[in-house]
Amino acid sequence: MREEQAGMWSHEQAARYLNVQPQTLYYMNYTGKGPKSYKVGKYRRYRRRDIDAWLETRSSEC
């Protein structure tokens, strides 16, 4: 089963969705400021719903 079908995205897919460089997403995770992620084997995986929830906490109302 492909990760997208299972609801899990690779680090690169998550970075693309957020429109940031993969290195930026690595840094956000390193500093604890990124979206929730899961360690699967040696890889970091993301769920879209976790990314969307994280984005909601980052929104600002002008």
Foldseek 3Di string as FASTA:
>chain_A
DDCVVVQKDFLCVLCVVVVHDSVVQVVCVVVVNAFDWDCDPNTIIDGPVRRVVSVVVVDDDD
